[in-house]
C-alpha atoms as a PDB file:
ATOM      1  CA  MET A   1      93.050  93.586  92.574  1.00  0.00           C
ATOM      2  CA  HIS A   2      90.122  92.754  94.850  1.00  0.00           C
ATOM      3  CA  LEU A   3      87.952  95.327  96.602  1.00  0.00           C
ATOM      4  CA  THR A   4      87.307  94.538 100.242  1.00  0.00           C
ATOM      5  CA  GLU A   5      83.819  94.218 101.688  1.00  0.00           C
ATOM      6  CA  SER A   6      84.188  97.699 103.192  1.00  0.00           C
ATOM      7  CA  SER A   7      84.185  99.134  99.670  1.00  0.00           C
ATOM      8  CA  ARG A   8      80.417  98.674  99.575  1.00  0.00           C
ATOM      9  CA  ILE A   9      77.665 100.325 101.567  1.00  0.00           C
ATOM     10  CA  GLN A  10      73.943  99.798 101.871  1.00  0.00           C
ATOM     11  CA  PHE A  11      73.155 103.224 100.470  1.00  0.00           C
ATOM     12  CA  LEU A  12      69.408 102.598 100.745  1.00  0.00           C
ATOM     13  CA  PRO A  13      67.427  99.511 101.792  1.00  0.00           C
ATOM     14  CA  ASP A  14      67.096  98.431  98.146  1.00  0.00           C
ATOM     15  CA  LEU A  15      70.353  99.830  96.801  1.00  0.00           C
ATOM     16  CA  GLN A  16      73.931  98.813  97.599  1.00  0.00           C
ATOM     17  CA  ILE A  17      76.749 100.798  96.009  1.00  0.00           C
ATOM     18  CA  CYS A  18      80.516 100.971  95.732  1.00  0.00           C
ATOM     19  CA  ARG A  19      81.761 103.787  97.983  1.00  0.00           C
ATOM     20  CA  ILE A  20      83.985 105.059  95.178  1.00  0.00           C
ATOM     21  CA  LEU A  21      81.695 106.145  92.388  1.00  0.00           C
ATOM     22  CA  SER A  22      83.202 106.459  88.925  1.00  0.00           C
ATOM     23  CA  GLY A  23      82.472 109.977  87.692  1.00  0.00           C
ATOM     24  CA  MET A  24      81.645 110.548  84.035  1.00  0.00           C
ATOM     25  CA  TRP A  25      82.045 114.341  83.780  1.00  0.00           C
ATOM     26  CA  GLN A  26      85.326 113.448  82.103  1.00  0.00           C
ATOM     27  CA  VAL A  27      83.507 112.183  78.971  1.00  0.00           C
ATOM     28  CA  SER A  28      81.666 115.496  78.491  1.00  0.00           C
ATOM     29  CA  GLY A  29      84.353 116.973  76.238  1.00  0.00           C
ATOM     30  CA  ALA A  30      85.787 119.370  78.818  1.00  0.00           C
ATOM     31  CA  HIS A  31      88.694 116.998  79.467  1.00  0.00           C
ATOM     32  CA  GLY A  32      89.634 116.134  75.899  1.00  0.00           C
ATOM     33  CA  PRO A  33      88.298 113.592  73.384  1.00  0.00           C
ATOM     34  CA  ILE A  34      87.156 110.136  74.463  1.00  0.00           C
ATOM     35  CA  ASP A  35      87.067 107.134  72.129  1.00  0.00           C
ATOM     36  CA  ARG A  36      83.691 105.426  72.496  1.00  0.00           C
ATOM     37  CA  ARG A  37      84.928 101.857  72.050  1.00  0.00           C
ATOM     38  CA  ASP A  38      87.840 102.334  74.434  1.00  0.00           C
ATOM     39  CA  ALA A  39      85.496 103.936  76.967  1.00  0.00           C
ATOM     40  CA  ILE A  40      83.036 101.038  76.918  1.00  0.00           C
ATOM     41  CA  LYS A  41      85.874  98.522  77.226  1.00  0.00           C
ATOM     42  CA  SER A  42      87.194 100.458  80.217  1.00  0.00           C
ATOM     43  CA  MET A  43      83.731 100.395  81.814  1.00  0.00           C
ATOM     44  CA  PHE A  44      83.879  96.593  81.748  1.00  0.00           C
ATOM     45  CA  ASP A  45      87.294  96.719  83.427  1.00  0.00           C
ATOM     46  CA  TYR A  46      85.927  98.955  86.171  1.00  0.00           C
ATOM     47  CA  THR A  47      82.895  96.773  86.744  1.00  0.00           C
ATOM     48  CA  ASP A  48      84.886  93.546  86.766  1.00  0.00           C
ATOM     49  CA  SER A  49      87.110  95.091  89.448  1.00  0.00           C
ATOM     50  CA  GLY A  50      84.137  95.941  91.685  1.00  0.00           C
ATOM     51  CA  PHE A  51      83.673  99.603  90.744  1.00  0.00           C
ATOM     52  CA  THR A  52      80.040  99.105  89.835  1.00  0.00           C
ATOM     53  CA  THR A  53      78.577 102.542  90.589  1.00  0.00           C
ATOM     54  CA  TRP A  54      78.575 105.360  88.029  1.00  0.00           C
ATOM     55  CA  ASP A  55      77.820 109.056  88.408  1.00  0.00           C
ATOM     56  CA  LEU A  56      76.685 110.920  85.318  1.00  0.00           C
ATOM     57  CA  ALA A  57      74.285 113.598  84.081  1.00  0.00           C
ATOM     58  CA  ASP A  58      72.039 114.475  81.183  1.00  0.00           C
ATOM     59  CA  HIS A  59      74.494 117.219  80.137  1.00  0.00           C
ATOM     60  CA  TYR A  60      77.734 115.214  80.416  1.00  0.00           C
ATOM     61  CA  GLY A  61      77.989 114.762  76.661  1.00  0.00           C
ATOM     62  CA  PRO A  62      77.453 111.079  75.750  1.00  0.00           C
ATOM     63  CA  ALA A  63      77.617 109.794  79.349  1.00  0.00           C
ATOM     64  CA  GLU A  64      74.037 108.496  79.433  1.00  0.00           C
ATOM     65  CA  ASP A  65      74.524 106.936  75.982  1.00  0.00           C
ATOM     66  CA  PHE A  66      77.702 105.216  77.216  1.00  0.00           C
ATOM     67  CA  ILE A  67      75.715 103.682  80.089  1.00  0.00           C
ATOM     68  CA  GLY A  68      73.064 102.514  77.635  1.00  0.00           C
ATOM     69  CA  GLU A  69      75.613 100.905  75.314  1.00  0.00           C
ATOM     70  CA  PHE A  70      77.492  99.370  78.230  1.00  0.00           C
ATOM     71  CA  ARG A  71      74.270  97.841  79.557  1.00  0.00           C
ATOM     72  CA  ARG A  72      73.444  96.375  76.142  1.00  0.00           C
ATOM     73  CA  GLN A  73      76.876  94.798  75.829  1.00  0.00           C
ATOM     74  CA  LEU A  74      76.878  93.570  79.431  1.00  0.00           C
ATOM     75  CA  SER A  75      73.503  91.926  78.927  1.00  0.00           C
ATOM     76  CA  ALA A  76      74.736  90.223  75.753  1.00  0.00           C
ATOM     77  CA  ARG A  77      77.924  89.059  77.473  1.00  0.00           C
ATOM     78  CA  SER A  78      76.636  87.977  80.872  1.00  0.00           C
ATOM     79  CA  GLY A  79      72.836  87.889  80.675  1.00  0.00           C
ATOM     80  CA  THR A  80      70.209  90.317  81.891  1.00  0.00           C
ATOM     81  CA  ASP A  81      70.723  89.309  85.538  1.00  0.00           C
ATOM     82  CA  ALA A  82      74.148  90.987  85.436  1.00  0.00           C
ATOM     83  CA  LEU A  83      72.463  94.369  84.968  1.00  0.00           C
ATOM     84  CA  ALA A  84      71.258  94.260  88.577  1.00  0.00           C
ATOM     85  CA  GLY A  85      74.864  94.642  89.716  1.00  0.00           C
ATOM     86  CA  ILE A  86      75.287  98.048  88.033  1.00  0.00           C
ATOM     87  CA  GLN A  87      74.201 101.335  89.585  1.00  0.00           C
ATOM     88  CA  ALA A  88      73.986 104.442  87.381  1.00  0.00           C
ATOM     89  CA  PHE A  89      73.092 107.732  89.057  1.00  0.00           C
ATOM     90  CA  THR A  90      72.193 110.478  86.614  1.00  0.00           C
ATOM     91  CA  LYS A  91      71.254 114.129  87.024  1.00  0.00           C
ATOM     92  CA  TRP A  92      68.645 116.413  85.532  1.00  0.00           C
ATOM     93  CA  VAL A  93      69.884 119.991  85.220  1.00  0.00           C
ATOM     94  CA  PRO A  94      67.120 122.035  83.570  1.00  0.00           C
ATOM     95  CA  ARG A  95      67.131 125.702  82.747  1.00  0.00           C
ATOM     96  CA  PRO A  96      64.750 127.503  85.117  1.00  0.00           C
ATOM     97  CA  GLY A  97      61.315 127.912  83.614  1.00  0.00           C
ATOM     98  CA  PRO A  98      57.857 126.302  83.700  1.00  0.00           C
ATOM     99  CA  MET A  99      58.012 122.834  85.208  1.00  0.00           C
ATOM    100  CA  THR A 100      54.885 121.156  83.863  1.00  0.00           C
ATOM    101  CA  ARG A 101      54.234 117.440  83.942  1.00  0.00           C
ATOM    102  CA  GLN A 102      55.003 117.203  80.215  1.00  0.00           C
ATOM    103  CA  ILE A 103      58.309 119.070  80.435  1.00  0.00           C
ATOM    104  CA  VAL A 104      59.557 117.085  83.413  1.00  0.00           C
ATOM    105  CA  GLU A 105      58.420 113.707  82.121  1.00  0.00           C
ATOM    106  CA  ASN A 106      59.842 114.298  78.636  1.00  0.00           C
ATOM    107  CA  ASN A 107      63.284 114.951  80.116  1.00  0.00           C
ATOM    108  CA  ILE A 108      63.160 111.917  82.377  1.00  0.00           C
ATOM    109  CA  ASP A 109      61.965 109.753  79.487  1.00  0.00           C
ATOM    110  CA  LEU A 110      64.930 110.928  77.436  1.00  0.00           C
ATOM    111  CA  SER A 111      67.345 109.768  80.146  1.00  0.00           C
ATOM    112  CA  LEU A 112      65.517 106.447  80.420  1.00  0.00           C
ATOM    113  CA  ARG A 113      65.868 105.873  76.672  1.00  0.00           C
ATOM    114  CA  ARG A 114      69.511 106.923  76.520  1.00  0.00           C
ATOM    115  CA  MET A 115      70.437 104.666  79.450  1.00  0.00           C
ATOM    116  CA  THR A 116      68.167 101.799  78.284  1.00  0.00           C
ATOM    117  CA  VAL A 117      66.521 101.434  81.681  1.00  0.00           C
ATOM    118  CA  GLN A 118      62.898 101.378  82.781  1.00  0.00           C
ATOM    119  CA  THR A 119      63.663 103.040  86.127  1.00  0.00           C
ATOM    120  CA  LEU A 120      66.381 105.510  87.094  1.00  0.00           C
ATOM    121  CA  ASP A 121      68.179 104.224  90.204  1.00  0.00           C
ATOM    122  CA  LEU A 122      68.790 107.746  91.483  1.00  0.00           C
ATOM    123  CA  LEU A 123      67.770 111.025  89.877  1.00  0.00           C
ATOM    124  CA  GLN A 124      69.856 113.918  91.212  1.00  0.00           C
ATOM    125  CA  PHE A 125      68.140 117.261  90.607  1.00  0.00           C
ATOM    126  CA  HIS A 126      69.954 120.589  90.222  1.00  0.00           C
ATOM    127  CA  TRP A 127      68.456 124.074  89.971  1.00  0.00           C
ATOM    128  CA  TRP A 128      70.391 127.182  88.998  1.00  0.00           C
ATOM    129  CA  ASP A 129      68.300 130.001  90.471  1.00  0.00           C
ATOM    130  CA  TYR A 130      66.776 129.869  93.954  1.00  0.00           C
ATOM    131  CA  GLN A 131      64.837 133.081  93.250  1.00  0.00           C
ATOM    132  CA  ASP A 132      62.773 131.071  90.792  1.00  0.00           C
ATOM    133  CA  ASN A 133      60.921 128.752  93.152  1.00  0.00           C
ATOM    134  CA  ARG A 134      59.575 126.596  90.359  1.00  0.00           C
ATOM    135  CA  TYR A 135      62.202 124.098  91.462  1.00  0.00           C
ATOM    136  CA  LEU A 136      59.488 122.964  93.878  1.00  0.00           C
ATOM    137  CA  ASP A 137      57.137 122.387  90.928  1.00  0.00           C
ATOM    138  CA  ALA A 138      59.836 120.275  89.272  1.00  0.00           C
ATOM    139  CA  LEU A 139      60.348 118.253  92.431  1.00  0.00           C
ATOM    140  CA  ASP A 140      56.576 117.745  92.787  1.00  0.00           C
ATOM    141  CA  GLN A 141      56.493 116.267  89.285  1.00  0.00           C
ATOM    142  CA  LEU A 142      59.602 114.168  89.919  1.00  0.00           C
ATOM    143  CA  ALA A 143      57.987 112.791  93.079  1.00  0.00           C
ATOM    144  CA  ILE A 144      54.956 111.749  91.008  1.00  0.00           C
ATOM    145  CA  LEU A 145      57.238 109.995  88.508  1.00  0.00           C
ATOM    146  CA  ARG A 146      58.899 108.257  91.449  1.00  0.00           C
ATOM    147  CA  GLU A 147      55.516 106.975  92.598  1.00  0.00           C
ATOM    148  CA  GLU A 148      54.827 105.791  89.041  1.00  0.00           C
ATOM    149  CA  GLY A 149      58.078 103.848  88.928  1.00  0.00           C
ATOM    150  CA  LYS A 150      60.182 105.877  86.495  1.00  0.00           C
ATOM    151  CA  ILE A 151      62.482 106.996  89.305  1.00  0.00           C
ATOM    152  CA  ARG A 152      63.498 104.785  92.211  1.00  0.00           C
ATOM    153  CA  HIS A 153      64.974 107.468  94.461  1.00  0.00           C
ATOM    154  CA  LEU A 154      65.067 111.258  94.300  1.00  0.00           C
ATOM    155  CA  ALA A 155      68.171 113.235  95.235  1.00  0.00           C
ATOM    156  CA  LEU A 156      69.761 116.663  94.865  1.00  0.00           C
ATOM    157  CA  THR A 157      72.937 118.101  93.395  1.00  0.00           C
ATOM    158  CA  ASN A 158      74.578 121.246  94.805  1.00  0.00           C
ATOM    159  CA  PHE A 159      71.667 122.359  96.959  1.00  0.00           C
ATOM    160  CA  ASP A 160      72.487 124.223 100.161  1.00  0.00           C
ATOM    161  CA  THR A 161      71.222 123.363 103.624  1.00  0.00           C
ATOM    162  CA  LEU A 162      68.534 126.062 103.719  1.00  0.00           C
ATOM    163  CA  HIS A 163      66.899 124.990 100.470  1.00  0.00           C
ATOM    164  CA  THR A 164      67.166 121.331 101.395  1.00  0.00           C
ATOM    165  CA  LYS A 165      65.136 122.242 104.478  1.00  0.00           C
ATOM    166  CA  THR A 166      62.599 124.061 102.276  1.00  0.00           C
ATOM    167  CA  ILE A 167      62.256 120.968 100.085  1.00  0.00           C
ATOM    168  CA  LEU A 168      61.728 118.640 103.043  1.00  0.00           C
ATOM    169  CA  GLU A 169      59.172 121.006 104.550  1.00  0.00           C
ATOM    170  CA  HIS A 170      57.409 121.023 101.170  1.00  0.00           C
ATOM    171  CA  GLY A 171      56.897 117.297 101.647  1.00  0.00           C
ATOM    172  CA  ILE A 172      59.470 115.941  99.176  1.00  0.00           C
ATOM    173  CA  GLU A 173      61.542 112.965 100.334  1.00  0.00           C
ATOM    174  CA  ILE A 174      65.226 113.352  99.434  1.00  0.00           C
ATOM    175  CA  VAL A 175      67.785 110.605 100.000  1.00  0.00           C
ATOM    176  CA  SER A 176      71.058 112.366  99.132  1.00  0.00           C
ATOM    177  CA  ASN A 177      72.797 115.501  97.926  1.00  0.00           C
ATOM    178  CA  GLN A 178      75.926 115.643  95.787  1.00  0.00           C
ATOM    179  CA  VAL A 179      78.291 118.425  96.855  1.00  0.00           C
ATOM    180  CA  GLN A 180      81.909 119.475  96.607  1.00  0.00           C
ATOM    181  CA  TYR A 181      83.792 118.112  99.619  1.00  0.00           C
ATOM    182  CA  SER A 182      87.551 117.883 100.048  1.00  0.00           C
ATOM    183  CA  LEU A 183      90.343 118.792 102.439  1.00  0.00           C
ATOM    184  CA  ILE A 184      90.355 122.154 100.650  1.00  0.00           C
ATOM    185  CA  ASP A 185      86.591 122.623 100.715  1.00  0.00           C
ATOM    186  CA  LEU A 186      85.204 121.638 104.119  1.00  0.00           C
ATOM    187  CA  ARG A 187      81.988 123.641 103.854  1.00  0.00           C
ATOM    188  CA  PRO A 188      79.723 120.607 104.465  1.00  0.00           C
ATOM    189  CA  GLN A 189      81.074 120.466 108.039  1.00  0.00           C
ATOM    190  CA  VAL A 190      79.704 123.898 108.945  1.00  0.00           C
ATOM    191  CA  GLN A 191      75.990 123.056 109.006  1.00  0.00           C
ATOM    192  CA  MET A 192      75.076 120.540 106.313  1.00  0.00           C
ATOM    193  CA  GLU A 193      76.452 117.398 107.965  1.00  0.00           C
ATOM    194  CA  GLN A 194      74.576 118.020 111.192  1.00  0.00           C
ATOM    195  CA  TYR A 195      71.272 118.761 109.466  1.00  0.00           C
ATOM    196  CA  TYR A 196      71.613 115.821 107.084  1.00  0.00           C
ATOM    197  CA  GLN A 197      72.501 113.431 109.859  1.00  0.00           C
ATOM    198  CA  ALA A 198      69.376 114.485 111.753  1.00  0.00           C
ATOM    199  CA  ASN A 199      67.228 113.961 108.633  1.00  0.00           C
ATOM    200  CA  ASN A 200      68.835 110.762 107.317  1.00  0.00           C
ATOM    201  CA  ILE A 201      70.154 112.310 104.105  1.00  0.00           C
ATOM    202  CA  LYS A 202      73.401 111.027 102.623  1.00  0.00           C
ATOM    203  CA  LEU A 203      76.195 113.005 100.982  1.00  0.00           C
ATOM    204  CA  LEU A 204      77.935 112.041  97.755  1.00  0.00           C
ATOM    205  CA  ALA A 205      81.190 113.990  97.575  1.00  0.00           C
ATOM    206  CA  TYR A 206      82.917 115.225  94.441  1.00  0.00           C
ATOM    207  CA  GLY A 207      86.060 117.296  93.928  1.00  0.00           C
ATOM    208  CA  THR A 208      87.695 115.283  96.715  1.00  0.00           C
ATOM    209  CA  LEU A 209      90.982 115.090  94.815  1.00  0.00           C
ATOM    210  CA  CYS A 210      90.688 118.591  93.350  1.00  0.00           C
ATOM    211  CA  GLY A 211      90.839 117.256  89.829  1.00  0.00           C
ATOM    212  CA  GLY A 212      94.051 115.343  90.574  1.00  0.00           C
ATOM    213  CA  LEU A 213      95.901 118.198  92.273  1.00  0.00           C
ATOM    214  CA  ILE A 214      95.835 116.322  95.585  1.00  0.00           C
ATOM    215  CA  SER A 215      98.432 113.772  94.542  1.00  0.00           C
ATOM    216  CA  GLU A 216     102.148 113.043  94.533  1.00  0.00           C
ATOM    217  CA  LYS A 217     102.368 114.606  91.081  1.00  0.00           C
ATOM    218  CA  TYR A 218     102.058 118.106  92.542  1.00  0.00           C
ATOM    219  CA  LEU A 219     104.076 117.620  95.751  1.00  0.00           C
ATOM    220  CA  ASP A 220     107.200 119.834  95.872  1.00  0.00           C
ATOM    221  CA  GLN A 221     106.236 121.403  92.548  1.00  0.00           C
ATOM    222  CA  LEU A 222     106.151 125.053  91.581  1.00  0.00           C
ATOM    223  CA  GLU A 223     102.720 126.596  91.195  1.00  0.00           C
ATOM    224  CA  PRO A 224     101.414 125.557  87.768  1.00  0.00           C
ATOM    225  CA  SER A 225     100.676 128.178  85.144  1.00  0.00           C
ATOM    226  CA  SER A 226      97.169 128.499  83.779  1.00  0.00           C
ATOM    227  CA  GLY A 227      98.391 126.905  80.554  1.00  0.00           C
ATOM    228  CA  ALA A 228      99.488 123.801  82.428  1.00  0.00           C
ATOM    229  CA  LEU A 229      95.993 123.336  83.864  1.00  0.00           C
ATOM    230  CA  ASN A 230      94.767 121.614  80.733  1.00  0.00           C
ATOM    231  CA  THR A 231      91.474 120.140  81.925  1.00  0.00           C
ATOM    232  CA  ALA A 232      88.300 121.729  83.235  1.00  0.00           C
ATOM    233  CA  SER A 233      88.838 120.011  86.585  1.00  0.00           C
ATOM    234  CA  LEU A 234      92.383 121.297  87.076  1.00  0.00           C
ATOM    235  CA  GLY A 235      91.363 124.855  86.307  1.00  0.00           C
ATOM    236  CA  LYS A 236      88.306 124.727  88.539  1.00  0.00           C
ATOM    237  CA  TYR A 237      90.018 123.279  91.593  1.00  0.00           C
ATOM    238  CA  LYS A 238      93.151 125.389  91.310  1.00  0.00           C
ATOM    239  CA  GLN A 239      90.804 128.353  91.821  1.00  0.00           C
ATOM    240  CA  MET A 240      89.468 126.658  94.948  1.00  0.00           C
ATOM    241  CA  ILE A 241      93.015 126.208  96.264  1.00  0.00           C
ATOM    242  CA  ASP A 242      93.711 129.888  95.610  1.00  0.00           C
ATOM    243  CA  ALA A 243      90.565 130.902  97.507  1.00  0.00           C
ATOM    244  CA  TRP A 244      91.409 128.544 100.388  1.00  0.00           C
ATOM    245  CA  GLY A 245      94.998 129.563 101.045  1.00  0.00           C
ATOM    246  CA  GLY A 246      97.187 129.439  97.982  1.00  0.00           C
ATOM    247  CA  TRP A 247      99.887 127.167  96.639  1.00  0.00           C
ATOM    248  CA  GLU A 248     102.325 127.439  99.556  1.00  0.00           C
ATOM    249  CA  LEU A 249      99.786 126.282 102.132  1.00  0.00           C
ATOM    250  CA  PHE A 250      98.636 123.602  99.701  1.00  0.00           C
ATOM    251  CA  GLN A 251     102.208 122.283  99.584  1.00  0.00           C
ATOM    252  CA  HIS A 252     102.222 122.009 103.385  1.00  0.00           C
ATOM    253  CA  LEU A 253      99.000 119.988 103.165  1.00  0.00           C
ATOM    254  CA  LEU A 254     100.453 117.656 100.527  1.00  0.00           C
ATOM    255  CA  ALA A 255     103.551 117.109 102.699  1.00  0.00           C
ATOM    256  CA  ILE A 256     101.413 116.132 105.696  1.00  0.00           C
ATOM    257  CA  LEU A 257      99.334 113.797 103.533  1.00  0.00           C
ATOM    258  CA  LYS A 258     102.497 112.232 102.128  1.00  0.00           C
ATOM    259  CA  GLY A 259     103.743 111.416 105.626  1.00  0.00           C
ATOM    260  CA  ILE A 260     100.454 109.725 106.491  1.00  0.00           C
ATOM    261  CA  ALA A 261     100.388 107.920 103.147  1.00  0.00           C
ATOM    262  CA  ASP A 262     103.880 106.506 103.705  1.00  0.00           C
ATOM    263  CA  LYS A 263     102.811 105.273 107.146  1.00  0.00           C
ATOM    264  CA  TYR A 264     100.164 103.048 105.548  1.00  0.00           C
ATOM    265  CA  ALA A 265     101.921 102.360 102.217  1.00  0.00           C
ATOM    266  CA  VAL A 266      99.196 104.132 100.263  1.00  0.00           C
ATOM    267  CA  SER A 267      99.028 107.330  98.201  1.00  0.00           C
ATOM    268  CA  ILE A 268      98.293 110.953  99.007  1.00  0.00           C
ATOM    269  CA  SER A 269      95.039 110.596  97.082  1.00  0.00           C
ATOM    270  CA  ASN A 270      94.061 107.571  99.167  1.00  0.00           C
ATOM    271  CA  VAL A 271      94.470 109.562 102.390  1.00  0.00           C
ATOM    272  CA  ALA A 272      92.412 112.482 101.049  1.00  0.00           C
ATOM    273  CA  VAL A 273      89.584 110.159 100.001  1.00  0.00           C
ATOM    274  CA  ARG A 274      89.711 108.159 103.242  1.00  0.00           C
ATOM    275  CA  TYR A 275      89.279 111.334 105.298  1.00  0.00           C
ATOM    276  CA  ILE A 276      86.098 112.292 103.426  1.00  0.00           C
ATOM    277  CA  LEU A 277      84.686 108.742 103.444  1.00  0.00           C
ATOM    278  CA  ASP A 278      85.041 108.726 107.235  1.00  0.00           C
ATOM    279  CA  ARG A 279      82.886 111.831 107.660  1.00  0.00           C
ATOM    280  CA  PRO A 280      79.314 111.520 108.988  1.00  0.00           C
ATOM    281  CA  THR A 281      76.620 111.051 106.316  1.00  0.00           C
ATOM    282  CA  VAL A 282      79.140 110.559 103.475  1.00  0.00           C
ATOM    283  CA  ALA A 283      78.064 107.473 101.559  1.00  0.00           C
ATOM    284  CA  GLY A 284      80.546 107.748  98.725  1.00  0.00           C
ATOM    285  CA  VAL A 285      83.207 109.777  96.952  1.00  0.00           C
ATOM    286  CA  ILE A 286      83.051 110.398  93.215  1.00  0.00           C
ATOM    287  CA  ILE A 287      86.392 110.055  91.436  1.00  0.00           C
ATOM    288  CA  GLY A 288      86.506 111.046  87.794  1.00  0.00           C
ATOM    289  CA  ALA A 289      87.249 108.279  85.315  1.00  0.00           C
ATOM    290  CA  ARG A 290      89.046 109.259  82.102  1.00  0.00           C
ATOM    291  CA  LEU A 291      87.781 106.150  80.371  1.00  0.00           C
ATOM    292  CA  GLY A 292      90.224 104.611  77.931  1.00  0.00           C
ATOM    293  CA  ILE A 293      92.906 107.201  78.760  1.00  0.00           C
ATOM    294  CA  ALA A 294      93.942 106.792  82.404  1.00  0.00           C
ATOM    295  CA  ASP A 295      93.280 103.996  84.862  1.00  0.00           C
ATOM    296  CA  HIS A 296      93.597 104.418  88.623  1.00  0.00           C
ATOM    297  CA  ARG A 297      91.633 101.357  89.741  1.00  0.00           C
ATOM    298  CA  ASP A 298      94.540  99.732  91.559  1.00  0.00           C
ATOM    299  CA  GLU A 299      95.376 102.901  93.452  1.00  0.00           C
ATOM    300  CA  ASN A 300      91.750 103.677  94.286  1.00  0.00           C
ATOM    301  CA  SER A 301      91.204 100.174  95.645  1.00  0.00           C
ATOM    302  CA  ARG A 302      93.790 100.835  98.372  1.00  0.00           C
ATOM    303  CA  VAL A 303      91.457 103.391  99.985  1.00  0.00           C
ATOM    304  CA  PHE A 304      89.723 100.430 101.626  1.00  0.00           C
ATOM    305  CA  ASN A 305      92.889  98.798 102.968  1.00  0.00           C
ATOM    306  CA  PHE A 306      93.639 101.162 105.860  1.00  0.00           C
ATOM    307  CA  SER A 307      92.099 103.372 108.537  1.00  0.00           C
ATOM    308  CA  MET A 308      93.521 106.587 109.939  1.00  0.00           C
ATOM    309  CA  ASP A 309      93.990 107.179 113.657  1.00  0.00           C
ATOM    310  CA  GLY A 310      93.425 110.285 115.736  1.00  0.00           C
ATOM    311  CA  GLU A 311      96.999 111.454 115.318  1.00  0.00           C
ATOM    312  CA  ASP A 312      96.662 111.350 111.534  1.00  0.00           C
ATOM    313  CA  VAL A 313      93.478 113.384 111.610  1.00  0.00           C
ATOM    314  CA  ALA A 314      95.033 115.907 114.011  1.00  0.00           C
ATOM    315  CA  GLN A 315      97.962 116.391 111.628  1.00  0.00           C
ATOM    316  CA  ILE A 316      95.580 117.074 108.769  1.00  0.00           C
ATOM    317  CA  HIS A 317      93.576 119.529 110.865  1.00  0.00           C
ATOM    318  CA  SER A 318      96.773 121.386 111.801  1.00  0.00           C
ATOM    319  CA  ILE A 319      96.989 122.458 108.152  1.00  0.00           C
ATOM    320  CA  THR A 320      93.345 122.718 107.106  1.00  0.00           C
ATOM    321  CA  SER A 321      92.670 124.996 110.090  1.00  0.00           C
ATOM    322  CA  GLN A 322      95.076 127.534 108.571  1.00  0.00           C
ATOM    323  CA  GLY A 323      93.004 127.873 105.416  1.00  0.00           C
ATOM    324  CA  ARG A 324      90.379 130.518 104.835  1.00  0.00           C
ATOM    325  CA  ASP A 325      86.770 129.792 105.740  1.00  0.00           C
ATOM    326  CA  LEU A 326      85.217 129.077 102.351  1.00  0.00           C
ATOM    327  CA  HIS A 327      81.779 128.986 103.934  1.00  0.00           C
ATOM    328  CA  GLN A 328      82.163 132.690 104.710  1.00  0.00           C
ATOM    329  CA  ILE A 329      83.834 133.510 101.394  1.00  0.00           C
ATOM    330  CA  ILE A 330      81.640 131.499  99.017  1.00  0.00           C
ATOM    331  CA  GLY A 331      78.608 130.479 101.051  1.00  0.00           C
ATOM    332  CA  ASP A 332      77.106 127.072 101.697  1.00  0.00           C
ATOM    333  CA  CYS A 333      77.544 124.082  99.410  1.00  0.00           C
ATOM    334  CA  GLY A 334      76.591 124.844  95.827  1.00  0.00           C
ATOM    335  CA  ASP A 335      76.528 128.608  96.277  1.00  0.00           C
ATOM    336  CA  GLU A 336      79.495 128.901  93.903  1.00  0.00           C
ATOM    337  CA  TYR A 337      77.041 128.100  91.096  1.00  0.00           C
ATOM    338  CA  ARG A 338      74.606 130.859  92.044  1.00  0.00           C
ATOM    339  CA  ARG A 339      76.764 133.942  92.533  1.00  0.00           C
END
């Protein structure tokens, strides 16, 4: 397996990434137990295959510790220069409250220690309650830490368009926002893409495969029972499918995707990811990695081996246009976490 040159993007002038980011929510415990040694070994397999960019968070169980251990072993195996080829994007997800210099810096220092880095490549900030505007205090302190070199770039997670605008008007430079974006959840197309394109902000998309539901495994299958949805991802994204249009319409979407996939000798998942990667401002798609348990590197690499034409996109739109408007039902990106 060899990733093509198109698998990488100059995310920022000083930061090149793989356009498929390996997501580490799956090591948090919500998807079953993960063996530490098997996970670290799998991280080497991913990196050796060209999947060099990791998405994690302070609250994803041992994810930051895994990055730290992986970096130590990589340095011992290949030398410290090899560390420059790894990108690890973490998140800080504090409980709303006072955001003093000490509180903010202590949390960032903890991530630095766990990941064994002197500077965080990208710190993605999330805030639960917009009514508590101390998120601006937190961002002020994070911007200071960026100037001091503890953070290279500052980003957001699950912020909506309106509050992104508030942050920019407050004078905080933001380079990206991580939001849910899939053929089921097209909310970023309503207003976020246009605003972000105008302000040079990138999108990192998650939930693009709906936890694995957008795949051949579920084509021509009866609607799964709640007991069969045995991971946090499956349960979460089945609810999104229900809100969007239900299992019958979802089956029509999978059938259309299968036809396109067969045309290019790829998978349903490849087509779903390719569609999102081709959207304006999308720098990358995060695909969860069940380290040491499942391995989809070969399949994921095929995302970069084809391009869809206008007819393909029109076929997809013929189904997605029948779904409910989640922007009206839920609100803008991230609003599902603040209801």
